[in-house]
């Protein structure tokens, strides 16, 4: 099973690596007030993916802390 898992990981890594190699064309991202950002396409894609993942994690922080408080309250109730 470990061999299959590592084979799958290596395959995904190789596919992503080949995707990155094929997308090295420079692109320009235009922001407000005429500011530009010039970078390879794969850097832009990875930056926006990372930003989206970070926003997703930040949106769950409140829920996680609320659930942790509730679990702690329920543990105290069970102990009493």
Protein backbone atom coordinates (compact mmCIF):
# COMPACT_ATOMS: atom_id res chain seq x y z
CA UNK A 1 0.00 0.00 0.00
CA UNK A 2 2.87 2.36 0.77
CA UNK A 3 4.34 1.77 -2.67
CA UNK A 4 1.04 2.68 -4.33
CA UNK A 5 0.73 5.83 -2.22
CA UNK A 6 4.29 6.95 -2.99
CA UNK A 7 3.80 6.15 -6.68
CA UNK A 8 0.67 8.30 -6.71
CA UNK A 9 2.50 11.15 -4.95
CA UNK A 10 5.37 11.00 -7.44
CA UNK A 11 2.92 10.95 -10.35
CA UNK A 12 1.05 14.02 -9.05
CA UNK A 13 4.34 15.83 -8.43
CA UNK A 14 5.56 15.06 -11.96
CA UNK A 15 2.27 16.21 -13.50
CA UNK A 16 2.39 19.49 -11.55
CA UNK A 17 6.06 19.94 -12.40
CA UNK A 18 5.38 19.43 -16.12
CA UNK A 19 2.44 21.84 -15.87
CA UNK A 20 4.78 24.42 -14.33
CA UNK A 21 7.40 23.94 -17.03
CA UNK A 22 4.83 24.38 -19.81
CA UNK A 23 3.45 27.63 -18.30
CA UNK A 24 6.48 29.87 -17.97
CA UNK A 25 5.25 32.58 -20.33
CA UNK A 26 5.36 36.05 -18.78
CA UNK A 27 2.01 37.59 -17.92
CA UNK A 28 1.02 40.97 -16.63
CA UNK A 29 -1.49 41.41 -13.82
CA UNK A 30 -2.98 44.89 -13.75
CA UNK A 31 -4.06 46.25 -10.37
CA UNK A 32 -5.77 49.50 -9.49
CA UNK A 33 -4.01 52.85 -9.94
CA UNK A 34 -2.05 51.58 -12.98
CA UNK A 35 0.18 49.25 -11.04
CA UNK A 36 1.35 46.10 -12.82
CA UNK A 37 2.88 42.83 -11.76
CA UNK A 38 4.93 40.92 -14.33
CA UNK A 39 5.66 37.28 -13.53
CA UNK A 40 5.61 33.84 -15.13
CA UNK A 41 2.13 32.37 -15.45
CA UNK A 42 2.79 29.47 -13.07
CA UNK A 43 3.89 31.88 -10.32
CA UNK A 44 0.67 33.84 -10.73
CA UNK A 45 -1.45 30.67 -10.66
CA UNK A 46 0.33 29.34 -7.57
CA UNK A 47 0.12 32.71 -5.80
CA UNK A 48 -3.62 32.96 -6.33
CA UNK A 49 -4.09 29.31 -5.32
CA UNK A 50 -2.14 29.92 -2.11
CA UNK A 51 -4.13 33.10 -1.45
CA UNK A 52 -7.41 31.24 -1.91
CA UNK A 53 -6.29 28.44 0.39
CA UNK A 54 -5.25 31.00 3.01
CA UNK A 55 -8.63 32.75 2.79
CA UNK A 56 -10.36 29.38 3.17
CA UNK A 57 -8.37 28.57 6.29
CA UNK A 58 -8.98 32.03 7.76
CA UNK A 59 -12.72 31.70 7.16
CA UNK A 60 -12.78 28.52 9.27
CA UNK A 61 -10.86 29.85 12.27
CA UNK A 62 -13.96 31.22 14.00
CA UNK A 63 -15.82 27.93 13.58
CA UNK A 64 -12.88 25.90 14.86
CA UNK A 65 -12.52 28.01 18.01
CA UNK A 66 -16.27 27.89 18.65
CA UNK A 67 -16.28 24.10 18.35
CA UNK A 68 -13.22 23.78 20.59
CA UNK A 69 -14.94 25.87 23.28
CA UNK A 70 -18.05 23.71 23.00
CA UNK A 71 -16.02 20.50 23.29
CA UNK A 72 -14.27 21.85 26.39
CA UNK A 73 -17.64 22.81 27.91
CA UNK A 74 -19.07 19.35 27.19
CA UNK A 75 -16.00 17.66 28.72
CA UNK A 76 -16.46 19.72 31.89
CA UNK A 77 -20.13 18.72 31.95
CA UNK A 78 -19.26 15.03 31.61
CA UNK A 79 -16.68 15.23 34.38
CA UNK A 80 -19.21 16.78 36.77
